[in-house]
Amino acid sequence: MAIGPQLSEKELQALRNVDTCMVANAIETFHVRLRNAGFTNGSIRCMFPDEPPVIGYAVTARLRSGEPPVAGSTYRDRADFWNTVLDFPQPRILVLEDMDNPPGRGAFIGDVHASILRALNCVAYLTNGAARELPSVHAMGLQIFASSVAVSHAYAHIFDVGACVNVGGMEIRSGDLLHGDRHGVLTVPPEIAASIPAVAARIEAAEEKVIEFCRSSEFSVQKLSEVLKVVTR
């Protein structure tokens, strides 16, 4: 388990104040990865889109629901897994790659597991599978990013704890810093994480100038090219 330098609460809060689209814009300016990498695709839905952005460190594993586990109970919590969650810095985001084909036959997250995750200071759950019991989970303050909803947990069981997983086209390792809101989830490169809010604020101010110009009586296509130069990309 390799975890880089952790952000202070002040730095984490600064990132919570920025929406995920603007975080993505800011990351692009550092040229640390390709622009088509590091975020979930449209298969992942934010279940509670009116909630503010969340940020946390990933705890990864794999999930199956369609068939019983090889050994043990079909739906019994494992103390070893919950202890593993505590090995990671706070706040935490549980990330489960659903290995069923198709994913989402059953949902690991419902009100019971949501309450456990909140007690473990998890702020969100991310999966390419399903979630259920959404009203009570929402009331607990746990954000959910999933591809579907389901009525049953079926045979939901966790394995490969700490594995590198792929959810919504995004590769995630345990310890990765994740940021998510109604638009989706992205990974935040640790080496630039603390610098993102300031860069995002500059980009937002520049974009606002373009928006204001488009709404003004001075708008023309000829002038637009000049105004667009102020937007940092």
Protein backbone atom coordinates (compact mmCIF):
# COMPACT_ATOMS: atom_id res chain seq x y z
CA MET A 1 0.00 0.00 0.00
CA ALA A 2 1.68 3.20 -1.21
CA ILE A 3 0.07 6.44 -0.09
CA GLY A 4 1.60 9.78 -0.99
CA PRO A 5 1.65 12.95 1.10
CA GLN A 6 -1.74 13.69 2.61
CA LEU A 7 -3.51 17.01 2.32
CA SER A 8 -4.39 19.10 5.33
CA GLU A 9 -8.03 19.63 6.23
CA LYS A 10 -7.74 23.18 4.92
CA GLU A 11 -6.49 21.88 1.55
CA LEU A 12 -9.21 19.24 1.42
CA GLN A 13 -11.88 21.84 2.13
CA ALA A 14 -10.53 24.09 -0.62
CA LEU A 15 -10.99 21.21 -3.07
CA ARG A 16 -14.53 20.54 -1.80
CA ASN A 17 -15.37 24.12 -2.76
CA VAL A 18 -14.56 23.45 -6.43
CA ASP A 19 -16.80 21.44 -8.74
CA THR A 20 -15.35 18.43 -10.51
CA CYS A 21 -15.46 20.00 -13.98
CA MET A 22 -13.33 22.91 -12.81
CA VAL A 23 -10.94 20.53 -11.04
CA ALA A 24 -10.54 18.73 -14.38
CA ASN A 25 -9.87 22.05 -16.14
CA ALA A 26 -7.22 22.94 -13.58
CA ILE A 27 -5.50 19.55 -13.83
CA GLU A 28 -5.15 20.02 -17.59
CA THR A 29 -2.97 23.10 -17.11
CA PHE A 30 -0.29 21.08 -15.28
CA HIS A 31 0.19 18.64 -18.22
CA VAL A 32 0.65 15.68 -15.88
CA ARG A 33 -1.65 13.34 -17.83
CA LEU A 34 -3.64 13.07 -21.03
CA ARG A 35 -6.90 15.05 -21.18
CA ASN A 36 -8.92 11.91 -21.88
CA ALA A 37 -7.71 10.05 -18.78
CA GLY A 38 -8.30 10.14 -15.06
CA PHE A 39 -12.10 10.41 -14.86
CA THR A 40 -15.17 8.18 -15.01
CA ASN A 41 -17.21 7.86 -18.17
CA GLY A 42 -20.95 8.36 -18.57
CA SER A 43 -21.80 4.90 -17.26
CA ILE A 44 -21.31 6.16 -13.69
CA ARG A 45 -24.20 8.13 -12.21
CA CYS A 46 -24.18 10.36 -9.16
CA MET A 47 -27.14 9.19 -7.11
CA PHE A 48 -27.46 12.40 -5.09
CA PRO A 49 -26.67 15.19 -7.56
CA ASP A 50 -27.79 18.02 -5.28
CA GLU A 51 -25.09 17.25 -2.74
CA PRO A 52 -21.79 19.20 -2.75
CA PRO A 53 -18.52 17.74 -4.05
CA VAL A 54 -16.80 15.04 -2.02
CA ILE A 55 -13.12 14.25 -1.74
CA GLY A 56 -11.41 11.27 -0.16
CA TYR A 57 -8.77 8.58 -0.41
CA ALA A 58 -9.73 5.42 -2.27
CA VAL A 59 -10.03 2.01 -0.61
CA THR A 60 -10.33 -0.52 -3.43
CA ALA A 61 -11.59 -4.08 -3.82
CA ARG A 62 -13.61 -6.26 -6.18
CA LEU A 63 -17.20 -7.42 -5.85
CA ARG A 64 -19.41 -10.25 -7.06
CA SER A 65 -23.14 -10.59 -6.47
CA GLY A 66 -24.40 -13.06 -9.06
CA GLU A 67 -23.09 -16.23 -7.39
CA PRO A 68 -22.31 -17.32 -3.81
CA PRO A 69 -18.75 -16.84 -2.54
CA VAL A 70 -16.43 -19.85 -2.66
CA ALA A 71 -16.40 -20.11 1.12
CA GLY A 72 -18.25 -18.65 4.07
CA SER A 73 -21.60 -16.96 4.37
CA THR A 74 -23.34 -15.40 1.39
CA TYR A 75 -23.68 -11.99 3.01
CA ARG A 76 -21.58 -11.65 6.12
CA ASP A 77 -19.37 -8.69 6.99
CA ARG A 78 -15.68 -9.38 7.36
CA ALA A 79 -13.91 -7.70 10.25
CA ASP A 80 -10.61 -8.01 8.36
CA PHE A 81 -12.00 -5.87 5.54
CA TRP A 82 -13.31 -3.13 7.83
CA ASN A 83 -9.93 -3.05 9.59
CA THR A 84 -8.27 -2.64 6.20
CA VAL A 85 -10.45 0.39 5.52
CA LEU A 86 -9.09 1.95 8.70
CA ASP A 87 -5.54 1.58 7.38
CA PHE A 88 -6.19 4.38 4.88
CA PRO A 89 -6.20 8.11 5.57
CA GLN A 90 -9.40 10.04 6.16
CA PRO A 91 -11.72 10.94 4.56
CA ARG A 92 -12.24 7.67 2.66
CA ILE A 93 -14.10 6.56 -0.45
CA LEU A 94 -14.87 2.85 -0.90
CA VAL A 95 -14.36 1.75 -4.52
CA LEU A 96 -15.65 -1.67 -5.63
CA GLU A 97 -15.24 -2.99 -9.15
CA ASP A 98 -18.24 -5.23 -9.86
CA MET A 99 -16.90 -8.27 -11.70
CA ASP A 100 -20.27 -9.78 -12.65
CA ASN A 101 -21.22 -9.84 -16.33
CA PRO A 102 -23.19 -7.68 -16.59
CA PRO A 103 -22.40 -5.82 -13.36
CA GLY A 104 -25.14 -4.79 -10.97
CA ARG A 105 -26.91 -8.10 -10.29
CA GLY A 106 -26.92 -7.21 -6.60
CA ALA A 107 -25.99 -4.18 -4.52
CA PHE A 108 -23.37 -4.23 -1.78
CA ILE A 109 -24.39 -0.81 -0.47
CA GLY A 110 -27.67 -0.41 1.36
CA ASP A 111 -28.57 1.23 4.64
CA VAL A 112 -26.60 -1.19 6.87
CA HIS A 113 -23.32 -0.96 4.98
CA ALA A 114 -23.78 2.76 4.49
CA SER A 115 -24.02 3.21 8.25
CA ILE A 116 -20.84 1.17 8.71
CA LEU A 117 -19.00 3.20 6.11
CA ARG A 118 -20.07 6.47 7.70
CA ALA A 119 -18.82 5.21 11.07
CA LEU A 120 -15.49 4.53 9.33
CA ASN A 121 -15.45 8.12 8.00
CA CYS A 122 -16.17 7.16 4.40
CA VAL A 123 -17.79 10.03 2.52
CA ALA A 124 -18.72 8.18 -0.68
CA TYR A 125 -19.04 4.84 -2.43
CA LEU A 126 -18.02 4.31 -6.06
CA THR A 127 -18.86 1.24 -8.15
CA ASN A 128 -19.62 0.18 -11.70
CA GLY A 129 -22.34 -1.98 -10.13
CA ALA A 130 -25.54 -1.17 -8.26
CA ALA A 131 -26.74 0.51 -5.08
CA ARG A 132 -30.02 0.21 -3.16
CA GLU A 133 -32.04 1.70 -0.29
CA LEU A 134 -31.17 5.14 -1.59
CA PRO A 135 -33.41 7.31 0.65
CA SER A 136 -31.91 6.01 3.89
CA VAL A 137 -28.37 6.06 2.48
CA HIS A 138 -28.88 9.67 1.40
CA ALA A 139 -30.10 10.59 4.86
CA MET A 140 -26.87 9.18 6.33
CA GLY A 141 -24.79 11.58 4.26
CA LEU A 142 -23.00 8.99 2.11
CA GLN A 143 -22.66 9.97 -1.54
CA ILE A 144 -23.02 7.15 -4.10
CA PHE A 145 -21.62 6.87 -7.61
CA ALA A 146 -22.91 3.76 -9.39
CA SER A 147 -24.10 2.50 -12.75
CA SER A 148 -27.51 1.27 -11.59
CA VAL A 149 -29.86 0.51 -8.71
CA ALA A 150 -31.03 -2.92 -7.57
CA VAL A 151 -33.65 -4.28 -5.19
CA SER A 152 -31.46 -6.97 -3.59
CA HIS A 153 -27.94 -7.51 -2.32
CA ALA A 154 -28.10 -10.99 -3.92
CA TYR A 155 -24.80 -12.74 -3.04
CA ALA A 156 -22.73 -9.55 -2.72
CA HIS A 157 -19.25 -10.35 -1.42
CA ILE A 158 -15.90 -8.57 -1.51
CA PHE A 159 -12.54 -10.00 -2.56
CA ASP A 160 -9.14 -8.80 -3.89
CA VAL A 161 -8.96 -6.05 -1.30
CA GLY A 162 -6.40 -3.41 -2.30
CA ALA A 163 -6.35 -4.43 -5.96
CA CYS A 164 -5.94 -1.92 -8.78
CA VAL A 165 -9.48 -1.63 -10.18
CA ASN A 166 -11.21 -0.08 -13.17
CA VAL A 167 -14.53 1.67 -12.61
CA GLY A 168 -16.23 3.59 -15.37
CA GLY A 169 -13.11 3.48 -17.51
CA MET A 170 -10.96 4.97 -14.75
CA GLU A 171 -8.08 3.06 -13.18
CA ILE A 172 -7.98 3.45 -9.41
CA ARG A 173 -5.46 2.29 -6.81
CA SER A 174 -5.93 2.22 -3.08
CA GLY A 175 -4.74 5.52 -1.66
CA ASP A 176 -5.61 7.56 -4.77
CA LEU A 177 -7.20 10.91 -4.04
CA LEU A 178 -10.69 11.07 -5.59
CA HIS A 179 -12.97 14.06 -6.20
CA GLY A 180 -16.61 13.66 -7.24
CA ASP A 181 -19.92 15.42 -7.70
CA ARG A 182 -22.95 15.32 -10.00
CA HIS A 183 -20.68 15.23 -13.05
CA GLY A 184 -18.74 12.11 -12.05
CA VAL A 185 -15.49 11.20 -10.31
CA LEU A 186 -11.85 11.89 -11.11
CA THR A 187 -8.46 11.14 -9.62
CA VAL A 188 -6.45 14.08 -8.37
CA PRO A 189 -2.67 13.79 -8.90
CA PRO A 190 -1.17 14.25 -5.42
CA GLU A 191 1.75 16.35 -6.58
CA ILE A 192 -0.57 19.15 -7.78
CA ALA A 193 -3.57 18.65 -5.51
CA ALA A 194 -2.88 21.58 -3.17
CA SER A 195 -2.40 23.95 -6.12
CA ILE A 196 -5.66 23.12 -7.89
CA PRO A 197 -8.08 25.48 -6.08
CA ALA A 198 -6.05 28.59 -6.91
CA VAL A 199 -5.67 27.57 -10.55
CA ALA A 200 -9.38 26.71 -10.75
CA ALA A 201 -10.27 30.17 -9.40
CA ARG A 202 -8.17 31.85 -12.11
CA ILE A 203 -9.79 29.74 -14.83
CA GLU A 204 -13.27 30.43 -13.51
CA ALA A 205 -12.61 34.18 -13.47
CA ALA A 206 -11.32 34.04 -17.04
CA GLU A 207 -14.33 32.03 -18.22
CA GLU A 208 -16.68 34.48 -16.54
CA LYS A 209 -15.21 37.27 -18.66
CA VAL A 210 -16.06 35.30 -21.80
CA ILE A 211 -19.59 34.60 -20.58
CA GLU A 212 -20.15 38.26 -19.71
CA PHE A 213 -18.88 39.31 -23.14
CA CYS A 214 -21.24 36.90 -24.90
CA ARG A 215 -24.14 38.47 -22.99
CA SER A 216 -23.07 42.04 -23.69
CA SER A 217 -24.11 44.39 -26.47
CA GLU A 218 -20.47 44.52 -27.59
CA PHE A 219 -20.49 40.89 -28.72
CA SER A 220 -19.15 40.09 -32.18
CA VAL A 221 -17.43 37.06 -33.65
CA GLN A 222 -14.46 39.24 -34.53
CA LYS A 223 -13.94 40.32 -30.92
CA LEU A 224 -14.70 36.86 -29.57
CA SER A 225 -11.35 35.44 -30.67
CA GLU A 226 -9.53 38.05 -28.64
CA VAL A 227 -11.66 37.54 -25.56
CA LEU A 228 -11.20 33.76 -25.70
CA LYS A 229 -7.44 34.17 -25.36
CA VAL A 230 -7.91 34.99 -21.68
CA VAL A 231 -9.17 31.49 -20.93
CA THR A 232 -6.28 29.32 -19.72
CA ARG A 233 -6.12 25.87 -21.26
